[in-house]
Amino acid sequence: MNIGVICTVITFVSAVLLILLVLLQQRGASLGAGFGGSGELNTERRGLEKSLYNTTIVIAVIFVLSILAILVVG
């Protein structure tokens, strides 16, 4: 297996995980939140919500780096 195939697999897996992690996040889930009518206070993330947020950031960085690696490898 060459490096291009490995980068493609990493990109695909990280893309699927990123989609799932974004869909799992709960903040602003109502339709009114999209138009600014949420009325909720923004509080600090704690527990599982904080872990989910940090994991989403890590997977997004892995996704971007894998795309850049594909571009460099060709």
N, C-alpha and C. Protein backbone atom coordinates (compact mmCIF):
# COMPACT_ATOMS: atom_id res chain seq x y z
N MET A 1 0.84 -1.17 0.00
CA MET A 1 0.00 0.00 0.00
C MET A 1 0.89 1.24 0.00
N ASN A 2 0.62 2.16 -0.91
CA ASN A 2 1.43 3.36 -0.97
C ASN A 2 0.82 4.49 -0.13
N ILE A 3 1.56 5.56 0.00
CA ILE A 3 1.15 6.66 0.88
C ILE A 3 -0.11 7.38 0.40
N GLY A 4 -0.33 7.40 -0.91
CA GLY A 4 -1.53 8.05 -1.45
C GLY A 4 -2.81 7.33 -1.04
N VAL A 5 -2.77 6.01 -1.06
CA VAL A 5 -3.95 5.22 -0.65
C VAL A 5 -4.21 5.39 0.84
N ILE A 6 -3.14 5.40 1.62
CA ILE A 6 -3.29 5.58 3.07
C ILE A 6 -3.90 6.95 3.38
N CYS A 7 -3.43 7.99 2.70
CA CYS A 7 -3.98 9.34 2.92
C CYS A 7 -5.45 9.42 2.50
N THR A 8 -5.79 8.72 1.42
CA THR A 8 -7.19 8.71 0.97
C THR A 8 -8.09 8.02 1.99
N VAL A 9 -7.63 6.92 2.54
CA VAL A 9 -8.42 6.21 3.56
C VAL A 9 -8.57 7.06 4.80
N ILE A 10 -7.49 7.72 5.23
CA ILE A 10 -7.56 8.60 6.40
C ILE A 10 -8.53 9.75 6.15
N THR A 11 -8.52 10.31 4.94
CA THR A 11 -9.44 11.39 4.59
C THR A 11 -10.88 10.92 4.65
N PHE A 12 -11.15 9.76 4.09
CA PHE A 12 -12.52 9.24 4.08
C PHE A 12 -13.03 8.97 5.50
N VAL A 13 -12.21 8.30 6.30
CA VAL A 13 -12.62 7.96 7.67
C VAL A 13 -12.81 9.22 8.50
N SER A 14 -11.89 10.17 8.37
CA SER A 14 -12.02 11.41 9.15
C SER A 14 -13.22 12.24 8.70
N ALA A 15 -13.56 12.18 7.41
CA ALA A 15 -14.73 12.91 6.92
C ALA A 15 -16.01 12.34 7.52
N VAL A 16 -16.12 11.02 7.55
CA VAL A 16 -17.31 10.38 8.12
C VAL A 16 -17.41 10.68 9.62
N LEU A 17 -16.28 10.58 10.33
CA LEU A 17 -16.28 10.88 11.77
C LEU A 17 -16.63 12.34 12.03
N LEU A 18 -16.13 13.24 11.19
CA LEU A 18 -16.41 14.67 11.37
C LEU A 18 -17.90 14.95 11.17
N ILE A 19 -18.51 14.34 10.19
CA ILE A 19 -19.95 14.51 9.96
C ILE A 19 -20.74 14.02 11.18
N LEU A 20 -20.38 12.85 11.69
CA LEU A 20 -21.09 12.30 12.85
C LEU A 20 -20.91 13.17 14.09
N LEU A 21 -19.68 13.65 14.32
CA LEU A 21 -19.44 14.49 15.50
C LEU A 21 -20.17 15.82 15.42
N VAL A 22 -20.24 16.41 14.24
CA VAL A 22 -20.98 17.67 14.10
C VAL A 22 -22.47 17.44 14.33
N LEU A 23 -23.00 16.34 13.84
CA LEU A 23 -24.42 16.05 14.02
C LEU A 23 -24.76 15.72 15.47
N LEU A 24 -23.81 15.23 16.24
CA LEU A 24 -24.06 14.89 17.64
C LEU A 24 -24.09 16.11 18.57
N GLN A 25 -23.56 17.21 18.12
CA GLN A 25 -23.52 18.38 19.00
C GLN A 25 -24.91 18.99 19.13
N GLN A 26 -25.24 19.43 20.35
CA GLN A 26 -26.61 19.81 20.68
C GLN A 26 -26.89 21.31 20.73
N ARG A 27 -25.88 22.11 20.83
CA ARG A 27 -26.08 23.55 21.05
C ARG A 27 -26.83 24.18 19.89
N GLY A 28 -27.89 24.96 20.21
CA GLY A 28 -28.65 25.66 19.19
C GLY A 28 -29.41 24.72 18.27
N ALA A 29 -30.01 23.68 18.81
CA ALA A 29 -30.65 22.67 17.99
C ALA A 29 -32.02 23.11 17.46
N SER A 30 -32.59 24.16 18.02
CA SER A 30 -33.93 24.58 17.58
C SER A 30 -33.84 25.45 16.32
N LEU A 31 -34.96 25.55 15.62
CA LEU A 31 -34.99 26.32 14.38
C LEU A 31 -34.83 27.81 14.67
N GLY A 32 -35.36 28.28 15.77
CA GLY A 32 -35.24 29.69 16.13
C GLY A 32 -33.81 30.11 16.40
N ALA A 33 -32.97 29.18 16.78
CA ALA A 33 -31.56 29.50 17.06
C ALA A 33 -30.84 29.93 15.79
N GLY A 34 -31.29 29.43 14.66
CA GLY A 34 -30.66 29.81 13.39
C GLY A 34 -30.91 31.25 13.03
N PHE A 35 -31.97 31.83 13.57
CA PHE A 35 -32.30 33.22 13.27
C PHE A 35 -32.00 34.15 14.44
N GLY A 36 -31.31 33.66 15.44
CA GLY A 36 -30.90 34.50 16.56
C GLY A 36 -31.93 34.60 17.66
N GLY A 37 -33.00 33.85 17.62
CA GLY A 37 -34.04 33.93 18.63
C GLY A 37 -33.97 32.85 19.68
N SER A 38 -32.79 32.41 19.99
CA SER A 38 -32.62 31.27 20.88
C SER A 38 -32.99 31.59 22.32
N GLY A 39 -32.50 32.70 22.85
CA GLY A 39 -32.77 33.07 24.22
C GLY A 39 -32.00 32.28 25.25
N GLU A 40 -31.04 31.47 24.82
CA GLU A 40 -30.24 30.68 25.74
C GLU A 40 -28.96 31.42 26.10
N LEU A 41 -28.50 31.18 27.32
CA LEU A 41 -27.22 31.75 27.72
C LEU A 41 -26.10 30.84 27.25
N ASN A 42 -25.03 31.45 26.78
CA ASN A 42 -23.86 30.65 26.40
C ASN A 42 -23.05 30.37 27.65
N THR A 43 -22.97 29.12 28.02
CA THR A 43 -22.23 28.74 29.21
C THR A 43 -21.01 27.93 28.81
N GLU A 44 -20.19 27.64 29.77
CA GLU A 44 -18.97 26.87 29.52
C GLU A 44 -19.33 25.41 29.26
N ARG A 45 -18.62 24.82 28.31
CA ARG A 45 -18.83 23.39 28.03
C ARG A 45 -18.23 22.56 29.14
N ARG A 46 -18.92 21.50 29.52
CA ARG A 46 -18.44 20.62 30.58
C ARG A 46 -18.73 19.18 30.21
N GLY A 47 -17.93 18.30 30.75
CA GLY A 47 -18.18 16.87 30.62
C GLY A 47 -18.12 16.37 29.20
N LEU A 48 -19.14 15.61 28.82
CA LEU A 48 -19.19 14.97 27.51
C LEU A 48 -19.23 16.00 26.39
N GLU A 49 -19.92 17.11 26.61
CA GLU A 49 -20.02 18.14 25.58
C GLU A 49 -18.65 18.74 25.27
N LYS A 50 -17.83 18.93 26.28
CA LYS A 50 -16.48 19.46 26.08
C LYS A 50 -15.60 18.44 25.35
N SER A 51 -15.72 17.18 25.73
CA SER A 51 -14.95 16.13 25.06
C SER A 51 -15.36 16.01 23.59
N LEU A 52 -16.65 16.09 23.32
CA LEU A 52 -17.15 16.01 21.96
C LEU A 52 -16.65 17.18 21.12
N TYR A 53 -16.64 18.37 21.72
CA TYR A 53 -16.15 19.58 21.05
C TYR A 53 -14.67 19.46 20.72
N ASN A 54 -13.86 19.02 21.69
CA ASN A 54 -12.42 18.88 21.47
C ASN A 54 -12.11 17.79 20.45
N THR A 55 -12.86 16.70 20.50
CA THR A 55 -12.67 15.62 19.53
C THR A 55 -13.01 16.09 18.12
N THR A 56 -14.04 16.91 17.98
CA THR A 56 -14.41 17.45 16.68
C THR A 56 -13.29 18.30 16.11
N ILE A 57 -12.65 19.10 16.95
CA ILE A 57 -11.55 19.94 16.49
C ILE A 57 -10.37 19.07 16.03
N VAL A 58 -10.05 18.05 16.80
CA VAL A 58 -8.93 17.16 16.44
C VAL A 58 -9.20 16.45 15.12
N ILE A 59 -10.41 15.93 14.95
CA ILE A 59 -10.75 15.22 13.71
C ILE A 59 -10.75 16.18 12.52
N ALA A 60 -11.18 17.43 12.73
CA ALA A 60 -11.15 18.42 11.65
C ALA A 60 -9.72 18.73 11.22
N VAL A 61 -8.81 18.83 12.18
CA VAL A 61 -7.40 19.07 11.86
C VAL A 61 -6.82 17.88 11.10
N ILE A 62 -7.14 16.66 11.55
CA ILE A 62 -6.67 15.47 10.85
C ILE A 62 -7.21 15.44 9.42
N PHE A 63 -8.46 15.81 9.24
CA PHE A 63 -9.08 15.85 7.91
C PHE A 63 -8.35 16.82 6.99
N VAL A 64 -8.10 18.03 7.48
CA VAL A 64 -7.42 19.04 6.66
C VAL A 64 -5.99 18.61 6.34
N LEU A 65 -5.28 18.08 7.33
CA LEU A 65 -3.90 17.64 7.09
C LEU A 65 -3.84 16.48 6.10
N SER A 66 -4.83 15.59 6.14
CA SER A 66 -4.82 14.48 5.20
C SER A 66 -5.09 14.96 3.78
N ILE A 67 -5.94 15.97 3.63
CA ILE A 67 -6.18 16.54 2.30
C ILE A 67 -4.91 17.21 1.78
N LEU A 68 -4.22 17.96 2.66
CA LEU A 68 -2.97 18.59 2.24
C LEU A 68 -1.92 17.54 1.89
N ALA A 69 -1.89 16.43 2.60
CA ALA A 69 -0.94 15.36 2.29
C ALA A 69 -1.25 14.75 0.92
N ILE A 70 -2.52 14.61 0.59
CA ILE A 70 -2.90 14.09 -0.73
C ILE A 70 -2.44 15.05 -1.82
N LEU A 71 -2.58 16.35 -1.58
CA LEU A 71 -2.16 17.33 -2.56
C LEU A 71 -0.64 17.31 -2.77
N VAL A 72 0.10 17.13 -1.69
CA VAL A 72 1.56 17.11 -1.79
C VAL A 72 2.06 15.83 -2.46
N VAL A 73 1.46 14.70 -2.07
CA VAL A 73 1.89 13.42 -2.63
C VAL A 73 1.50 13.31 -4.09
N GLY A 74 0.32 13.82 -4.41
CA GLY A 74 -0.10 13.81 -5.81
C GLY A 74 -0.90 12.65 -6.11
